[in-house]
Protein backbone atom coordinates (compact mmCIF):
# COMPACT_ATOMS: atom_id res chain seq x y z
CA MET A 1 0.00 0.00 0.00
CA GLU A 2 2.85 2.36 0.80
CA ARG A 3 4.42 1.72 -2.60
CA ILE A 4 1.12 2.45 -4.38
CA LEU A 5 0.69 5.73 -2.49
CA SER A 6 4.27 6.80 -3.17
CA LYS A 7 3.89 6.04 -6.89
CA TRP A 8 0.57 7.95 -6.91
CA GLN A 9 2.26 10.92 -5.22
CA CYS A 10 5.06 10.86 -7.81
CA PHE A 11 2.46 10.74 -10.60
CA LEU A 12 0.54 13.69 -9.13
CA ASN A 13 3.70 15.72 -8.60
CA GLU A 14 4.89 15.07 -12.16
CA TYR A 15 1.68 15.52 -14.15
CA THR A 16 -0.45 17.89 -12.07
CA ASP A 17 -0.12 20.96 -9.89
CA ILE A 18 -1.74 19.12 -6.96
CA LYS A 19 0.52 18.94 -3.92
CA LEU A 20 -0.79 16.44 -1.37
CA LYS A 21 1.31 15.71 1.68
CA SER A 22 -0.80 13.61 4.04
CA LYS A 23 -1.43 9.93 3.43
CA SER A 24 -5.18 10.28 3.93
CA SER A 25 -5.53 12.93 1.22
CA LEU A 26 -3.40 10.82 -1.12
CA LEU A 27 -5.57 7.79 -0.44
CA ILE A 28 -8.79 9.75 -0.97
CA SER A 29 -7.52 11.20 -4.26
CA LEU A 30 -6.51 7.73 -5.46
CA ILE A 31 -9.95 6.30 -4.57
CA VAL A 32 -11.69 9.19 -6.34
CA ALA A 33 -9.55 8.71 -9.44
CA ILE A 34 -10.25 4.97 -9.56
CA ALA A 35 -13.98 5.50 -8.98
CA GLY A 36 -14.10 8.08 -11.78
CA LEU A 37 -12.33 5.72 -14.15
CA VAL A 38 -14.69 2.86 -13.29
CA LEU A 39 -17.78 5.05 -13.73
CA THR A 40 -16.48 6.30 -17.07
CA ILE A 41 -15.93 2.73 -18.29
CA ILE A 42 -19.41 1.70 -17.14
CA VAL A 43 -21.08 4.66 -18.86
CA LEU A 44 -19.15 4.13 -22.08
CA SER A 45 -20.02 0.44 -22.14
CA MET A 46 -23.76 1.21 -21.99
CA PRO A 47 -24.42 3.84 -24.68
CA GLU A 48 -28.13 3.02 -24.79
CA ARG A 49 -28.52 4.48 -21.29
CA LEU A 50 -27.01 7.82 -22.22
CA PRO A 51 -29.60 10.55 -22.70
CA GLY A 52 -29.97 11.88 -26.20
CA THR A 53 -28.56 8.86 -28.02
């Protein structure tokens, strides 16, 4: 878990302007990013449920 958080912090420092120091904020940001990715995949896999299509 520590390795995942340290890699996530390196990714955030390199590709974004977000500076997170505490482990809890790093963990929350990682969970939010994973949840957003999963929701995006689910929505894209069900185009018939999208409004206006």
